[in-house]
Structure formats: C-alpha cells, structure tokens
Amino acid sequence: VRPSVTDRVDRWLLQPWVGLPVLLVVMWLAFQVATSVAAPLMDLVDRAVGGWFAGLLADVMPGPAWLEGLVVDGLVAGLGTVLSFAPLMGLMFVGVALLEDSGYLARAAFVADRAMRAIGLDGRAVLPLVVGFGCNLSALAATRTLPDARQRTLTAFLVPYTSCAARLTVYVLLAGAFFPDHAGTVVLAMYVVSVLMVVVVGLVLRRTVFRDLGREPLVIALPAYQRPRLRALLLSAGKRVEAFVRKAGTIIVLTLTVVWLLQAVPVTGSHQVADVPVGDSAYGWAAQAAAPVFGPAGFGDWHATAALATGFVAKEVVVGAFAQSFAV
C-alpha cells in the first residue's frame, strides 16, 4: 500500500530531532505574527476608545469633575484596556485553531510527550499542560482526566508554570517596552522559559515527594492532515474572543474602576477629590506601605507593588494598573 501524504510527513515530523525544532519554529512564527500584526490594531482600538470615544464623553457629560473622571478615566479606560487586547487574542486564537484543525496540534503533543515522561508524568498529562497555555483554570479542571490521584496532584502543581493567554498581555507589554525591535522573539523566549520551568520543577518534585509515581505511555489519535476550515475556525476564535471580553472584561473594568476611585481619594496634602497626584492618593499610600514587604522579591517600587496586587484579581489588569499608576 502506497503511504499517504500524512504518513510521509509524520515519518519525519514525529522524530524528536525534527519535530522539536519544527515546534519551536511554529511557535515563533505564531508569536511574531501576533506581535507585529496585532500591535497596529491594538493602537487603533486604543485611540478609538481611549481617545475619540473618551473625548466625546468628556465633552457631553454634565455634572462634577469627579463623575467625569470616574466614567472617562475609570470605566472607559478599563473598557479600552480590554478591547485593545481583543485583536491580539483573536490572532492567537486563530493561530491555535489553524494548528488544531490542520492536525498538527496532536503531533505537537506527541513530540512533547517524551519530555513529560522524563519527569515521571503520565503521557496524558501533556494535554492539561498544553491547555494551560490557553487558560490555567481550564487546565486544572482537565487534570481530572488523569487516572491516578498522585499524577493529578503533580500535574496541578505544574499547571501554574504554563503561560496562559492572560499573561500574554503582560508579556507583550514588557517585550514592547524593553525590546521593541525583537518583541516577537522575546515573547517566545518567555514561553520557552515557562516550558523549562515546568520541566525543572517537575524533575525536582518527581525526585522528592512524588518518587512513587510510575510511567505510562501517551495514547493519542493522530488525525490526517487537512486543509483548515476557515469559517469554522473564525467562528471558534470569535467565540473565544467574545468570552474573553465578556468574562475577563467584567473583572478588568470593575478592578480598574476601583483603582481609579482609590487614586481619586487624597490621603496626604491638601488636594481635591479626583484631583490628586497618584503618590498622595489612597492607592499610592497603600502601595507604598506594602512595597517593603515585596522588596526582597524585586517589587520594592510601589508602582510594581500596586500592579502586582491587582494582578491577583486578573493577570490582564496589570497592564491597566501600570497605566493608571504612571498616569500614562
């Protein structure tokens, strides 16, 4: 029987010495497209919401200045933060859907399986960890499919080291701020470090408190390669972006509104409500009081401490918190 195209491609692609470099190249291309193509779209949305729409509201809103600040600098700023990242999320979701629908994503899990077995995990643990790069919460729920309680526990310990989509907004902020000419490569490097953390921590745990774990091979269906169904993957990506805007957006807008309220309340100096430097507000005062506690971890600057605190609510909020505390 003449081997099919899928068989001929898999003969090479499923070999670790070919499959792993190909996997890294595919990831690099995905992040490069996301950072280079999404950046102008994000700027366009930010200018439309934070510039034109916010200016229009400021011109037509009656009432005191603090109410205008609450709506424009609080609610609209939070909404702009959410919507500005929608193009980035959309591109990433389309990229993942392309890989999944073409049949490559299953091969990626198969190639990565050997690394997972090296740290003593069931081969099926690859899937929750891969899901973790989309959403840590979903990945933790996916560990329930593992057959052994100890394997589920170890996998759950490793899931937080995977870089979920929520962290991508922070990665893009850091890469764009410090390495604007190589943002895509830097974002990829952050994801590679994330994978290395999964492996290193897994090895440490496997050789200490999880020494009793056995090893089981991964059994996974490898579908034939096919041309991605454009309409289906666009609908899938659209639903994911909608879910991100709806669920994460609610938390982000509420959190940034609370941050604005804290910044509007003066604590030191003779300032008026909603007309106070950030450092003299309740927000700045609380962050400065907490900064020494986080100093040993490298968060001694109160701007970073404030962003870290809001990040406990949602990782995406960190970007908006930095924008508000630096008043940019």
Protein backbone atom coordinates (compact mmCIF):
# COMPACT_ATOMS: atom_id res chain seq x y z
CA VAL A 1 0.00 0.00 0.00
CA ARG A 2 1.37 3.36 -1.01
CA PRO A 3 1.92 5.57 2.07
CA SER A 4 -0.28 8.63 2.29
CA VAL A 5 0.94 12.21 2.49
CA THR A 6 0.24 12.15 6.26
CA ASP A 7 2.37 9.02 6.67
CA ARG A 8 5.26 10.52 4.71
CA VAL A 9 5.18 13.78 6.68
CA ASP A 10 4.86 12.02 10.05
CA ARG A 11 7.84 9.82 9.23
CA TRP A 12 9.95 12.94 9.75
CA LEU A 13 7.81 15.22 11.87
CA LEU A 14 7.33 12.71 14.71
CA GLN A 15 11.08 12.29 15.14
CA PRO A 16 12.25 14.37 18.14
CA TRP A 17 15.29 15.78 16.34
CA VAL A 18 12.98 17.17 13.63
CA GLY A 19 9.70 17.60 15.50
CA LEU A 20 11.01 19.74 18.36
CA PRO A 21 12.78 22.32 16.15
CA VAL A 22 9.68 22.48 13.93
CA LEU A 23 7.52 23.02 17.01
CA LEU A 24 9.73 25.91 18.13
CA VAL A 25 9.65 27.48 14.65
CA VAL A 26 5.85 27.21 14.50
CA MET A 27 5.52 28.84 17.93
CA TRP A 28 7.96 31.61 16.94
CA LEU A 29 6.00 32.35 13.76
CA ALA A 30 2.74 32.48 15.71
CA PHE A 31 4.10 34.94 18.26
CA GLN A 32 5.86 37.00 15.60
CA VAL A 33 2.63 37.42 13.64
CA ALA A 34 0.71 38.22 16.81
CA THR A 35 3.11 40.90 18.00
CA SER A 36 3.81 42.53 14.61
CA VAL A 37 0.29 42.36 13.16
CA ALA A 38 -1.64 42.92 16.38
CA ALA A 39 0.33 45.98 17.51
CA PRO A 40 -1.14 48.46 14.98
CA LEU A 41 -4.63 47.03 15.51
CA MET A 42 -4.26 47.42 19.27
CA ASP A 43 -3.11 51.03 18.82
CA LEU A 44 -6.08 51.73 16.55
CA VAL A 45 -8.59 50.37 19.09
CA ASP A 46 -6.86 52.20 21.93
CA ARG A 47 -7.01 55.50 20.05
CA ALA A 48 -10.65 54.94 19.13
CA VAL A 49 -11.79 54.10 22.68
CA GLY A 50 -9.32 55.98 24.86
CA GLY A 51 -9.03 58.94 22.52
CA TRP A 52 -12.06 59.64 20.35
CA PHE A 53 -14.79 58.00 22.45
CA ALA A 54 -13.37 59.19 25.78
CA GLY A 55 -13.03 62.73 24.41
CA LEU A 56 -16.62 62.65 23.13
CA LEU A 57 -17.91 61.60 26.55
CA ALA A 58 -15.84 64.26 28.30
CA ASP A 59 -17.38 66.93 26.06
CA VAL A 60 -21.02 65.91 26.55
CA MET A 61 -21.02 64.74 30.17
CA PRO A 62 -22.67 67.13 32.64
CA GLY A 63 -22.02 67.18 36.37
CA PRO A 64 -18.97 67.46 38.61
CA ALA A 65 -15.43 66.74 37.51
CA TRP A 66 -15.15 63.62 39.69
CA LEU A 67 -18.08 61.99 37.86
CA GLU A 68 -16.46 62.69 34.52
CA GLY A 69 -13.20 61.21 35.82
CA LEU A 70 -14.98 58.10 37.10
CA VAL A 71 -16.65 57.43 33.77
CA VAL A 72 -13.85 58.51 31.42
CA ASP A 73 -10.72 57.57 33.37
CA GLY A 74 -12.23 54.62 35.20
CA LEU A 75 -14.92 52.80 33.22
CA VAL A 76 -13.89 53.83 29.70
CA ALA A 77 -10.18 53.31 30.44
CA GLY A 78 -10.94 49.79 31.65
CA LEU A 79 -13.07 49.10 28.61
CA GLY A 80 -10.32 50.41 26.34
CA THR A 81 -7.78 48.13 28.01
CA VAL A 82 -9.98 45.09 27.35
CA LEU A 83 -10.89 45.97 23.77
CA SER A 84 -7.33 46.91 22.81
CA PHE A 85 -6.19 43.36 23.53
CA ALA A 86 -9.08 41.76 21.62
CA PRO A 87 -7.15 41.83 18.27
CA LEU A 88 -4.16 40.16 19.92
CA MET A 89 -6.33 37.45 21.48
CA GLY A 90 -8.16 36.98 18.20
CA LEU A 91 -4.94 36.41 16.25
CA MET A 92 -3.64 33.96 18.82
CA PHE A 93 -6.91 32.01 18.90
CA VAL A 94 -6.96 31.86 15.09
CA GLY A 95 -3.38 30.58 15.13
CA VAL A 96 -4.17 27.85 17.64
CA ALA A 97 -7.31 26.89 15.71
CA LEU A 98 -5.27 26.63 12.49
CA LEU A 99 -2.80 24.28 14.16
CA GLU A 100 -5.60 22.20 15.69
CA ASP A 101 -7.75 21.96 12.57
CA SER A 102 -4.82 21.11 10.33
CA GLY A 103 -3.93 18.14 12.56
CA TYR A 104 -0.59 19.49 13.74
CA LEU A 105 -1.54 20.18 17.36
CA ALA A 106 -1.86 16.45 18.13
CA ARG A 107 1.63 15.94 16.68
CA ALA A 108 2.96 18.70 18.94
CA ALA A 109 1.56 16.89 21.98
CA PHE A 110 3.08 13.62 20.75
CA VAL A 111 6.53 15.15 20.25
CA ALA A 112 6.40 16.85 23.68
CA ASP A 113 5.35 13.59 25.37
CA ARG A 114 8.89 12.33 25.82
CA ALA A 115 9.79 15.40 27.85
CA MET A 116 6.77 14.82 30.08
CA ARG A 117 7.65 11.18 30.63
CA ALA A 118 11.15 12.27 31.61
CA ILE A 119 9.66 13.95 34.69
CA GLY A 120 7.51 10.94 35.54
CA LEU A 121 4.14 12.20 34.34
CA ASP A 122 1.51 10.13 32.61
CA GLY A 123 1.65 10.87 28.88
CA ARG A 124 -1.87 12.24 29.06
CA ALA A 125 -0.60 15.00 31.36
CA VAL A 126 0.68 16.70 28.22
CA LEU A 127 -2.86 17.70 27.33
CA PRO A 128 -3.70 19.60 30.56
CA LEU A 129 -0.33 21.35 30.34
CA VAL A 130 -0.96 22.31 26.72
CA VAL A 131 -4.41 23.56 27.74
CA GLY A 132 -2.66 25.58 30.46
CA PHE A 133 -1.11 27.78 27.79
CA GLY A 134 -4.66 28.82 26.95
CA CYS A 135 -6.14 29.02 30.46
CA ASN A 136 -4.76 27.73 33.76
CA LEU A 137 -8.22 27.27 35.22
CA SER A 138 -9.32 25.01 32.36
CA ALA A 139 -6.05 23.10 32.65
CA LEU A 140 -6.61 22.43 36.34
CA ALA A 141 -10.07 21.12 35.52
CA ALA A 142 -8.58 18.95 32.74
CA THR A 143 -6.32 17.14 35.25
CA ARG A 144 -9.40 15.22 36.34
CA THR A 145 -8.99 13.06 33.23
CA LEU A 146 -5.75 11.57 34.61
CA PRO A 147 -6.21 8.10 36.10
CA ASP A 148 -4.14 8.48 39.27
CA ALA A 149 -4.66 10.97 42.12
CA ARG A 150 -0.92 11.48 42.60
CA GLN A 151 -0.45 12.24 38.92
CA ARG A 152 -3.32 14.70 39.07
CA THR A 153 -1.72 16.44 42.04
CA LEU A 154 1.71 16.71 40.42
CA THR A 155 0.22 17.99 37.16
CA ALA A 156 -1.84 20.55 39.09
CA PHE A 157 1.36 21.80 40.74
CA LEU A 158 2.93 22.31 37.29
CA VAL A 159 -0.02 23.98 35.54
CA PRO A 160 0.62 27.46 37.10
CA TYR A 161 4.08 27.48 35.46
CA THR A 162 2.46 27.37 32.00
CA SER A 163 1.96 30.81 30.46
CA CYS A 164 -1.78 31.20 29.95
CA ALA A 165 -3.28 33.67 27.48
CA ALA A 166 -3.92 36.17 30.28
CA ARG A 167 -0.17 36.53 30.81
CA LEU A 168 0.35 37.22 27.13
CA THR A 169 -0.87 40.80 27.63
CA VAL A 170 1.82 41.34 30.27
CA TYR A 171 4.47 39.66 28.11
CA VAL A 172 3.62 41.91 25.17
CA LEU A 173 3.81 44.97 27.44
CA LEU A 174 7.27 44.04 28.72
CA ALA A 175 8.60 42.94 25.33
CA GLY A 176 7.29 46.05 23.60
CA ALA A 177 8.64 48.37 26.30
CA PHE A 178 12.16 46.94 26.65
CA PHE A 179 12.76 45.10 23.34
CA PRO A 180 10.59 46.86 20.72
CA ASP A 181 12.67 45.60 17.77
CA HIS A 182 12.54 41.95 18.87
CA ALA A 183 9.19 41.75 20.66
CA GLY A 184 8.06 38.51 19.00
CA THR A 185 11.30 36.71 19.82
CA VAL A 186 11.23 37.93 23.43
CA VAL A 187 7.64 36.76 23.91
CA LEU A 188 8.63 33.36 22.53
CA ALA A 189 11.59 33.29 24.94
CA MET A 190 9.23 33.90 27.86
CA TYR A 191 7.14 30.93 26.75
CA VAL A 192 10.27 28.78 26.37
CA VAL A 193 11.31 29.72 29.93
CA SER A 194 7.81 28.75 31.04
CA VAL A 195 8.23 25.31 29.48
CA LEU A 196 11.67 24.96 31.10
CA MET A 197 10.14 25.84 34.49
CA VAL A 198 7.57 23.08 34.03
CA VAL A 199 10.33 20.57 33.30
CA VAL A 200 12.72 21.71 36.07
CA VAL A 201 10.06 21.91 38.80
CA GLY A 202 8.62 18.60 37.61
CA LEU A 203 12.02 16.93 37.88
CA VAL A 204 12.53 18.31 41.39
CA LEU A 205 9.10 17.16 42.57
CA ARG A 206 9.46 13.80 40.82
CA ARG A 207 12.67 13.09 42.71
CA THR A 208 11.34 14.21 46.09
CA VAL A 209 7.71 14.00 47.17
CA PHE A 210 6.47 12.15 44.06
CA ARG A 211 9.08 9.39 43.88
CA ASP A 212 6.37 6.71 43.89
CA LEU A 213 4.87 7.73 40.53
CA GLY A 214 5.03 5.24 37.65
CA ARG A 215 5.29 5.96 33.96
CA GLU A 216 2.62 5.30 31.33
CA PRO A 217 2.91 6.00 27.58
CA LEU A 218 0.72 8.53 25.81
CA VAL A 219 -2.04 7.12 23.63
CA ILE A 220 -3.48 9.76 21.31
CA ALA A 221 -5.18 9.73 17.91
CA LEU A 222 -3.24 11.46 15.14
CA PRO A 223 -5.78 12.75 12.59
CA ALA A 224 -4.86 13.04 8.94
CA TYR A 225 -3.55 16.40 7.82
CA GLN A 226 -6.22 18.51 6.21
CA ARG A 227 -6.87 21.99 4.94
CA PRO A 228 -8.20 24.12 7.85
CA ARG A 229 -11.88 25.04 7.64
CA LEU A 230 -11.68 28.81 7.61
CA ARG A 231 -15.29 29.55 8.54
CA ALA A 232 -15.31 27.12 11.47
CA LEU A 233 -12.03 28.35 12.95
CA LEU A 234 -13.06 32.00 12.60
CA LEU A 235 -16.31 31.26 14.43
CA SER A 236 -14.36 29.41 17.12
CA ALA A 237 -11.87 32.25 17.53
CA GLY A 238 -14.69 34.78 17.60
CA LYS A 239 -16.45 32.93 20.41
CA ARG A 240 -13.24 32.75 22.43
CA VAL A 241 -12.58 36.46 21.99
CA GLU A 242 -16.17 37.21 22.97
CA ALA A 243 -15.77 35.07 26.10
CA PHE A 244 -12.52 36.89 26.94
CA VAL A 245 -14.12 40.32 26.53
CA ARG A 246 -17.23 39.32 28.48
CA LYS A 247 -15.68 37.42 31.39
CA ALA A 248 -12.26 38.99 31.78
CA GLY A 249 -13.63 42.36 30.72
CA THR A 250 -16.08 42.50 33.60
CA ILE A 251 -13.31 41.86 36.13
CA ILE A 252 -10.89 44.24 34.44
CA VAL A 253 -13.33 47.13 34.17
CA LEU A 254 -14.51 46.75 37.77
CA THR A 255 -10.95 46.43 39.09
CA LEU A 256 -9.64 49.45 37.18
CA THR A 257 -12.68 51.45 38.32
CA VAL A 258 -11.87 50.60 41.94
CA VAL A 259 -8.24 51.54 41.27
CA TRP A 260 -9.38 54.92 39.91
CA LEU A 261 -11.57 55.51 42.97
CA LEU A 262 -8.62 54.78 45.25
CA GLN A 263 -6.47 57.14 43.20
CA ALA A 264 -9.14 59.85 43.44
CA VAL A 265 -9.21 59.90 47.25
CA PRO A 266 -6.46 62.14 48.75
CA VAL A 267 -4.64 60.87 51.83
CA THR A 268 -1.82 63.38 52.16
CA GLY A 269 -1.65 67.02 51.12
CA SER A 270 -4.47 69.48 50.53
CA HIS A 271 -5.86 68.01 47.33
CA GLN A 272 -9.39 67.82 46.00
CA VAL A 273 -11.17 64.56 45.24
CA ALA A 274 -10.26 63.35 41.73
CA ASP A 275 -7.50 65.98 41.55
CA VAL A 276 -4.66 64.36 43.44
CA PRO A 277 -1.23 63.01 42.41
CA VAL A 278 -1.17 59.23 42.47
CA GLY A 279 1.52 59.17 45.15
CA ASP A 280 -0.69 61.22 47.53
CA SER A 281 -3.83 59.11 46.98
CA ALA A 282 -5.15 56.15 48.92
CA TYR A 283 -3.91 53.93 46.10
CA GLY A 284 -0.37 55.26 46.29
CA TRP A 285 -0.34 55.26 50.08
CA ALA A 286 -1.41 51.60 50.28
CA ALA A 287 1.12 50.57 47.61
CA GLN A 288 3.96 52.44 49.33
CA ALA A 289 3.08 50.81 52.65
CA ALA A 290 3.15 47.34 51.11
CA ALA A 291 6.23 47.85 48.90
CA PRO A 292 8.85 46.92 51.57
CA VAL A 293 7.15 43.55 52.02
CA PHE A 294 7.67 42.73 48.36
CA GLY A 295 11.14 44.30 48.20
CA PRO A 296 13.10 41.02 48.57
CA ALA A 297 11.17 39.64 45.58
CA GLY A 298 12.16 42.61 43.41
CA PHE A 299 8.90 44.55 43.72
CA GLY A 300 10.16 47.28 46.01
CA ASP A 301 8.89 50.04 43.71
CA TRP A 302 5.35 50.93 44.75
CA HIS A 303 4.16 51.08 41.11
CA ALA A 304 5.12 47.43 40.71
CA THR A 305 3.61 46.52 44.07
CA ALA A 306 0.31 48.10 43.10
CA ALA A 307 0.25 46.27 39.76
CA LEU A 308 1.13 43.00 41.47
CA ALA A 309 -1.76 43.41 43.90
CA THR A 310 -4.26 43.99 41.11
CA GLY A 311 -2.79 41.03 39.24
CA PHE A 312 -4.15 38.72 41.92
CA VAL A 313 -7.62 39.62 40.64
CA ALA A 314 -6.76 39.06 36.97
CA LYS A 315 -3.40 38.99 35.24
CA GLU A 316 -4.66 41.23 32.43
CA VAL A 317 -5.33 44.02 34.95
CA VAL A 318 -1.58 44.50 35.48
CA VAL A 319 -1.28 46.41 32.19
CA GLY A 320 -4.05 48.86 33.10
CA ALA A 321 -2.76 49.22 36.66
CA PHE A 322 0.65 50.30 35.37
CA ALA A 323 -1.00 52.76 33.01
CA GLN A 324 -3.03 54.32 35.82
CA SER A 325 -0.27 54.45 38.45
CA PHE A 326 2.19 56.07 36.00
CA ALA A 327 -0.63 58.29 34.66
CA VAL A 328 0.06 57.39 31.02
